[in-house]
């Protein structure tokens, strides 16, 4: 439920800007989702030094060759992959902040603003959202999972007082399948911990 969203989820910011560099030198190093550039580089966030290292070779023929990048389908996949990451990154970061920070205590309901974002960006995409909402949606709550007590997850609090957990990963997988049908299964298989479940 509140398990880490994506396995070693890389963020492909600036793909369009550095796309030609990766064709020459191979893929650029990727950083995990929701980390700042300064965290990933361990410094001031300036990637110019890493770009300089790529071009330290005296000649292009000395640089490593990555045959995959010669394949137009692979390049198209990498561009689409970056587009998907850019699309889902804000809601992934937002959800992780809710679940893994001190922003909300266990059993606390979300603020109306945060609740609206969770409903509009996640819950509406859940494959069983109508079943989760049941008799009606009162609020969204953060709490420990009943079985996996080390995990925090989101819960739908119904108008009759009942509550049920929902997986934000399932919501995102459904969203990706709907918006990116040609690339969804590959993306999900590669980056989601539980795959297509």
Protein backbone atom coordinates (compact mmCIF):
# COMPACT_ATOMS: atom_id res chain seq x y z
CA UNK A 1 0.00 0.00 0.00
CA UNK A 2 2.52 2.59 1.13
CA UNK A 3 5.46 0.57 -0.15
CA UNK A 4 7.95 2.47 -2.25
CA UNK A 5 6.20 3.50 -5.44
CA UNK A 6 8.68 2.65 -8.07
CA UNK A 7 11.74 0.42 -8.10
CA UNK A 8 14.78 2.61 -8.66
CA UNK A 9 12.61 5.13 -10.41
CA UNK A 10 14.82 7.37 -12.50
CA UNK A 11 13.91 10.89 -13.40
CA UNK A 12 14.69 11.86 -16.94
CA UNK A 13 14.56 15.62 -16.67
CA UNK A 14 16.03 17.53 -19.52
CA UNK A 15 15.83 14.66 -21.98
CA UNK A 16 15.00 17.01 -24.81
CA UNK A 17 17.89 19.29 -23.85
CA UNK A 18 20.48 16.56 -23.44
CA UNK A 19 19.04 14.14 -25.97
CA UNK A 20 21.77 14.75 -28.54
CA UNK A 21 24.44 14.24 -25.86
CA UNK A 22 23.06 10.84 -24.98
CA UNK A 23 23.10 9.81 -28.62
CA UNK A 24 26.80 10.58 -28.74
CA UNK A 25 27.90 9.34 -25.35
CA UNK A 26 25.18 6.96 -24.24
CA UNK A 27 22.56 7.43 -21.56
CA UNK A 28 23.15 10.16 -19.01
CA UNK A 29 23.07 9.22 -15.33
CA UNK A 30 19.53 9.22 -13.95
CA UNK A 31 18.39 10.17 -10.45
CA UNK A 32 15.59 8.77 -8.33
CA UNK A 33 12.19 10.41 -8.47
CA UNK A 34 11.56 13.22 -5.98
CA UNK A 35 15.21 13.96 -5.28
CA UNK A 36 16.71 17.29 -6.02
CA UNK A 37 19.64 17.67 -8.33
CA UNK A 38 21.86 18.62 -5.39
CA UNK A 39 20.98 15.39 -3.59
CA UNK A 40 21.67 13.25 -6.63
CA UNK A 41 24.97 14.88 -7.50
CA UNK A 42 26.03 15.26 -3.89
CA UNK A 43 26.95 18.86 -4.54
CA UNK A 44 25.52 22.14 -5.62
CA UNK A 45 23.25 20.66 -8.28
CA UNK A 46 25.43 21.77 -11.18
CA UNK A 47 25.61 19.00 -13.74
CA UNK A 48 28.15 20.80 -15.91
CA UNK A 49 31.03 18.87 -14.33
CA UNK A 50 29.40 15.53 -15.20
CA UNK A 51 28.81 16.76 -18.74
CA UNK A 52 32.42 17.81 -18.92
CA UNK A 53 33.49 14.30 -17.92
CA UNK A 54 31.46 12.87 -20.78
CA UNK A 55 33.41 14.96 -23.26
CA UNK A 56 36.88 14.54 -21.77
CA UNK A 57 37.73 11.97 -24.42
CA UNK A 58 40.01 13.48 -27.02
CA UNK A 59 38.11 12.02 -29.95
CA UNK A 60 34.58 10.86 -30.66
CA UNK A 61 35.89 7.48 -31.79
CA UNK A 62 37.30 6.95 -28.25
CA UNK A 63 33.88 7.36 -26.67
CA UNK A 64 31.84 4.23 -25.96
CA UNK A 65 29.20 3.29 -28.50
CA UNK A 66 25.73 2.27 -27.38
CA UNK A 67 24.04 0.40 -30.25
CA UNK A 68 20.60 0.67 -28.62
CA UNK A 69 20.63 4.42 -29.26
CA UNK A 70 20.90 3.76 -33.00
CA UNK A 71 17.49 2.07 -32.88
CA UNK A 72 14.71 4.62 -33.58
CA UNK A 73 12.19 2.56 -31.57
CA UNK A 74 14.46 2.66 -28.52
CA UNK A 75 14.94 6.41 -28.84
CA UNK A 76 11.16 6.86 -29.20
CA UNK A 77 10.64 4.75 -26.06
CA UNK A 78 13.15 6.85 -24.09
CA UNK A 79 11.41 10.07 -25.10
CA UNK A 80 7.99 8.65 -24.13
CA UNK A 81 9.44 7.27 -20.89
CA UNK A 82 10.65 10.76 -20.00
CA UNK A 83 7.23 12.19 -20.83
CA UNK A 84 5.51 9.71 -18.49
CA UNK A 85 7.95 10.50 -15.68
CA UNK A 86 7.40 14.22 -16.14
CA UNK A 87 3.64 13.67 -16.06
CA UNK A 88 3.50 11.55 -12.89
CA UNK A 89 6.34 13.12 -10.90
CA UNK A 90 4.29 15.88 -9.20
CA UNK A 91 1.62 13.52 -7.84
CA UNK A 92 4.21 10.89 -6.83
CA UNK A 93 6.20 13.47 -4.87
CA UNK A 94 3.04 14.92 -3.35
CA UNK A 95 1.80 11.47 -2.25
CA UNK A 96 5.17 10.44 -0.84
CA UNK A 97 5.31 13.66 1.15
CA UNK A 98 1.89 12.95 2.63
CA UNK A 99 2.77 9.36 3.53
CA UNK A 100 6.40 9.63 4.57
CA UNK A 101 6.75 13.00 6.27
CA UNK A 102 5.45 14.43 9.53
CA UNK A 103 2.94 16.49 7.59
CA UNK A 104 0.11 14.22 8.78
CA UNK A 105 -0.10 12.07 11.89
CA UNK A 106 -1.55 8.54 11.80
CA UNK A 107 -5.35 8.70 11.59
CA UNK A 108 -5.38 12.34 10.48
CA UNK A 109 -7.63 13.48 7.68
CA UNK A 110 -6.19 15.45 4.78
CA UNK A 111 -6.84 19.14 4.42
CA UNK A 112 -9.56 20.00 1.87
CA UNK A 113 -6.91 21.20 -0.61
CA UNK A 114 -4.78 18.04 -0.31
CA UNK A 115 -7.89 15.86 -0.35
CA UNK A 116 -9.04 17.40 -3.64
CA UNK A 117 -5.65 16.71 -5.24
CA UNK A 118 -5.66 13.07 -4.05
CA UNK A 119 -9.22 12.54 -5.30
CA UNK A 120 -8.68 14.26 -8.67
CA UNK A 121 -5.21 12.87 -9.43
CA UNK A 122 -5.36 9.43 -7.83
CA UNK A 123 -8.66 8.05 -6.56
CA UNK A 124 -10.64 8.72 -9.74
CA UNK A 125 -8.19 6.48 -11.62
CA UNK A 126 -8.38 3.55 -9.19
CA UNK A 127 -9.78 0.50 -11.02
CA UNK A 128 -12.29 -0.06 -8.18
CA UNK A 129 -12.91 3.54 -7.12
CA UNK A 130 -16.70 3.11 -6.99
CA UNK A 131 -16.33 0.13 -4.64
CA UNK A 132 -13.86 2.07 -2.49
CA UNK A 133 -16.18 5.06 -2.20
CA UNK A 134 -19.22 2.86 -1.56
CA UNK A 135 -22.10 4.82 0.00
CA UNK A 136 -20.23 8.11 -0.33
CA UNK A 137 -16.92 9.86 0.27
CA UNK A 138 -16.58 11.80 3.50
CA UNK A 139 -12.81 12.40 3.47
CA UNK A 140 -9.35 10.98 2.79
CA UNK A 141 -7.21 9.88 5.73
CA UNK A 142 -3.61 8.76 6.30
CA UNK A 143 -3.03 5.85 8.67
CA UNK A 144 -1.11 2.63 9.21
CA UNK A 145 -2.18 -0.33 7.13
CA UNK A 146 -4.11 -2.83 9.32
CA UNK A 147 -1.99 -5.81 8.21
CA UNK A 148 1.33 -4.15 7.37
CA UNK A 149 1.70 -1.88 10.38
CA UNK A 150 5.03 -0.43 9.23
CA UNK A 151 3.38 0.97 6.11
CA UNK A 152 1.28 4.10 5.94
CA UNK A 153 -1.36 4.40 3.27
CA UNK A 154 -4.31 6.45 2.15
CA UNK A 155 -7.85 5.56 3.23
CA UNK A 156 -11.26 6.53 1.92
CA UNK A 157 -13.48 7.51 4.85
CA UNK A 158 -17.09 6.85 3.82
CA UNK A 159 -20.15 8.81 4.85
CA UNK A 160 -21.38 5.88 6.95
CA UNK A 161 -18.19 6.05 9.07
CA UNK A 162 -16.50 3.04 7.46
CA UNK A 163 -13.07 3.35 5.90
CA UNK A 164 -10.99 1.37 3.41
CA UNK A 165 -7.46 1.68 2.13
CA UNK A 166 -6.58 2.28 -1.51
CA UNK A 167 -3.32 1.88 -3.37
CA UNK A 168 -1.97 4.98 -5.03
CA UNK A 169 0.22 2.68 -7.12
CA UNK A 170 -2.89 1.05 -8.61
CA UNK A 171 -4.25 4.51 -9.34
CA UNK A 172 -1.07 5.51 -11.16
CA UNK A 173 -0.86 2.26 -13.11
CA UNK A 174 -4.47 2.72 -14.29
CA UNK A 175 -3.76 6.35 -15.20
CA UNK A 176 -0.67 5.37 -17.22
CA UNK A 177 -2.55 2.56 -19.00
CA UNK A 178 -5.31 4.99 -19.94
CA UNK A 179 -3.13 7.89 -21.09
CA UNK A 180 -0.20 5.98 -22.60
CA UNK A 181 -1.66 2.67 -23.83
CA UNK A 182 1.18 1.84 -26.23
CA UNK A 183 3.89 2.30 -23.60
CA UNK A 184 2.09 1.54 -20.34
CA UNK A 185 2.94 -2.13 -19.89
CA UNK A 186 6.62 -1.61 -20.63
CA UNK A 187 6.80 1.34 -18.25
CA UNK A 188 4.91 -0.47 -15.50
CA UNK A 189 6.94 -3.66 -15.86
CA UNK A 190 10.19 -1.72 -15.77
CA UNK A 191 9.48 0.69 -12.95
CA UNK A 192 6.63 -0.43 -10.73
CA UNK A 193 7.56 -2.78 -7.91
CA UNK A 194 4.49 -4.99 -8.24
CA UNK A 195 4.26 -4.90 -12.02
CA UNK A 196 0.83 -5.31 -13.56
CA UNK A 197 -1.09 -6.59 -10.55
